[in-house]
């Protein structure tokens, strides 16, 4: 595998990880992953090296953007900036419980 192909594969993998982590992997958000996959497949047949490098740079920038927005949101939550943290706390507690093999019960509000 050439160094260009290795770099493209690495960028593609990182972008898909960021999309799954920050946007989600539910069925109603599947079109984001499909769009990324479609764009990489469509551009895999490009012969213009400059165009390929520009698209790789764009994908790297978008990955960085997704990760930065998520990190910024986490910082706002940690500083308690007038946001409702109940969903974030439920998610954190759910992850903690899952790490030891437990599952939190569903809470029904009337």
Protein backbone atom coordinates (compact mmCIF):
# COMPACT_ATOMS: atom_id res chain seq x y z
CA UNK A 1 0.00 0.00 0.00
CA UNK A 2 1.47 3.33 -1.03
CA UNK A 3 1.88 6.15 1.44
CA UNK A 4 -0.90 8.15 -0.29
CA UNK A 5 -3.33 5.23 -0.01
CA UNK A 6 -2.33 4.66 3.62
CA UNK A 7 -2.96 8.34 4.39
CA UNK A 8 -6.38 8.23 2.68
CA UNK A 9 -7.34 5.11 4.64
CA UNK A 10 -6.23 6.74 7.90
CA UNK A 11 -8.20 9.94 7.19
CA UNK A 12 -11.27 7.90 6.18
CA UNK A 13 -11.09 5.80 9.35
CA UNK A 14 -10.65 8.86 11.59
CA UNK A 15 -13.55 10.68 9.92
CA UNK A 16 -15.88 7.70 10.30
CA UNK A 17 -14.89 7.36 13.97
CA UNK A 18 -15.67 11.04 14.57
CA UNK A 19 -19.02 10.81 12.78
CA UNK A 20 -20.05 7.73 14.75
CA UNK A 21 -18.85 9.15 18.06
CA UNK A 22 -20.21 12.70 17.77
CA UNK A 23 -23.18 12.40 15.44
CA UNK A 24 -24.31 8.90 16.32
CA UNK A 25 -24.83 5.50 14.80
CA UNK A 26 -28.61 5.24 15.06
CA UNK A 27 -30.58 4.32 11.96
CA UNK A 28 -32.00 7.83 11.57
CA UNK A 29 -28.43 9.23 11.39
CA UNK A 30 -27.09 6.55 9.04
CA UNK A 31 -27.10 8.96 6.09
CA UNK A 32 -24.10 10.84 7.55
CA UNK A 33 -21.94 7.69 7.47
CA UNK A 34 -23.27 6.75 4.06
CA UNK A 35 -22.42 10.19 2.70
CA UNK A 36 -18.84 9.97 3.95
CA UNK A 37 -18.44 6.48 2.50
CA UNK A 38 -19.97 7.53 -0.81
CA UNK A 39 -17.69 10.58 -1.12
CA UNK A 40 -14.55 8.55 -0.42
CA UNK A 41 -15.56 5.88 -2.93
CA UNK A 42 -16.51 8.45 -5.55
CA UNK A 43 -13.19 10.27 -5.16
CA UNK A 44 -11.09 7.11 -5.12
CA UNK A 45 -11.00 7.13 -8.92
CA UNK A 46 -9.67 10.67 -9.23
CA UNK A 47 -6.40 10.89 -11.11
CA UNK A 48 -5.60 14.50 -10.26
CA UNK A 49 -3.17 14.36 -7.31
CA UNK A 50 -3.81 17.99 -6.33
CA UNK A 51 -7.55 17.39 -6.15
CA UNK A 52 -7.03 14.28 -4.02
CA UNK A 53 -4.83 16.20 -1.58
CA UNK A 54 -7.41 18.99 -1.32
CA UNK A 55 -10.17 16.52 -0.53
CA UNK A 56 -7.99 14.72 2.03
CA UNK A 57 -7.27 18.08 3.68
CA UNK A 58 -10.99 18.88 3.70
CA UNK A 59 -11.77 15.52 5.35
CA UNK A 60 -9.04 16.10 7.97
CA UNK A 61 -10.39 19.58 8.69
CA UNK A 62 -13.94 18.28 9.06
CA UNK A 63 -12.75 15.55 11.44
CA UNK A 64 -10.91 18.16 13.49
CA UNK A 65 -14.03 20.36 13.46
CA UNK A 66 -16.29 17.54 14.75
CA UNK A 67 -13.86 16.64 17.52
CA UNK A 68 -13.39 20.30 18.51
CA UNK A 69 -17.11 21.06 18.68
CA UNK A 70 -17.64 18.01 20.88
CA UNK A 71 -14.74 19.00 23.12
CA UNK A 72 -16.08 22.56 23.37
CA UNK A 73 -19.50 21.22 24.37
CA UNK A 74 -17.90 19.06 27.07
CA UNK A 75 -16.04 22.09 28.40
CA UNK A 76 -19.27 24.08 28.58
CA UNK A 77 -20.90 21.24 30.49
CA UNK A 78 -17.96 20.97 32.87
CA UNK A 79 -18.12 24.71 33.60
CA UNK A 80 -21.87 24.37 34.19
CA UNK A 81 -22.78 27.11 31.72
CA UNK A 82 -26.58 27.36 32.05
CA UNK A 83 -27.38 24.11 30.29
CA UNK A 84 -29.50 21.19 31.32
CA UNK A 85 -27.07 18.47 32.33
CA UNK A 86 -29.61 15.77 33.10
CA UNK A 87 -29.14 13.97 29.75
CA UNK A 88 -25.35 14.19 30.07
CA UNK A 89 -25.51 12.79 33.60
CA UNK A 90 -27.78 9.93 32.48
CA UNK A 91 -25.34 9.08 29.71
CA UNK A 92 -22.36 9.19 32.09
CA UNK A 93 -24.11 7.03 34.67
CA UNK A 94 -25.18 4.59 31.95
CA UNK A 95 -21.59 4.27 30.70
CA UNK A 96 -20.32 3.76 34.24
CA UNK A 97 -22.89 1.07 34.93
CA UNK A 98 -22.20 -0.64 31.60
CA UNK A 99 -18.47 -0.74 32.34
CA UNK A 100 -19.16 -3.13 35.25
CA UNK A 101 -21.85 -5.11 33.43
CA UNK A 102 -24.94 -3.42 34.82
CA UNK A 103 -27.78 -1.64 33.14
CA UNK A 104 -29.66 1.29 34.63
CA UNK A 105 -33.44 0.90 34.86
CA UNK A 106 -35.68 3.07 32.71
CA UNK A 107 -37.18 5.94 34.69
CA UNK A 108 -40.76 6.82 33.82
CA UNK A 109 -42.06 10.28 34.57
CA UNK A 110 -45.78 10.93 34.82
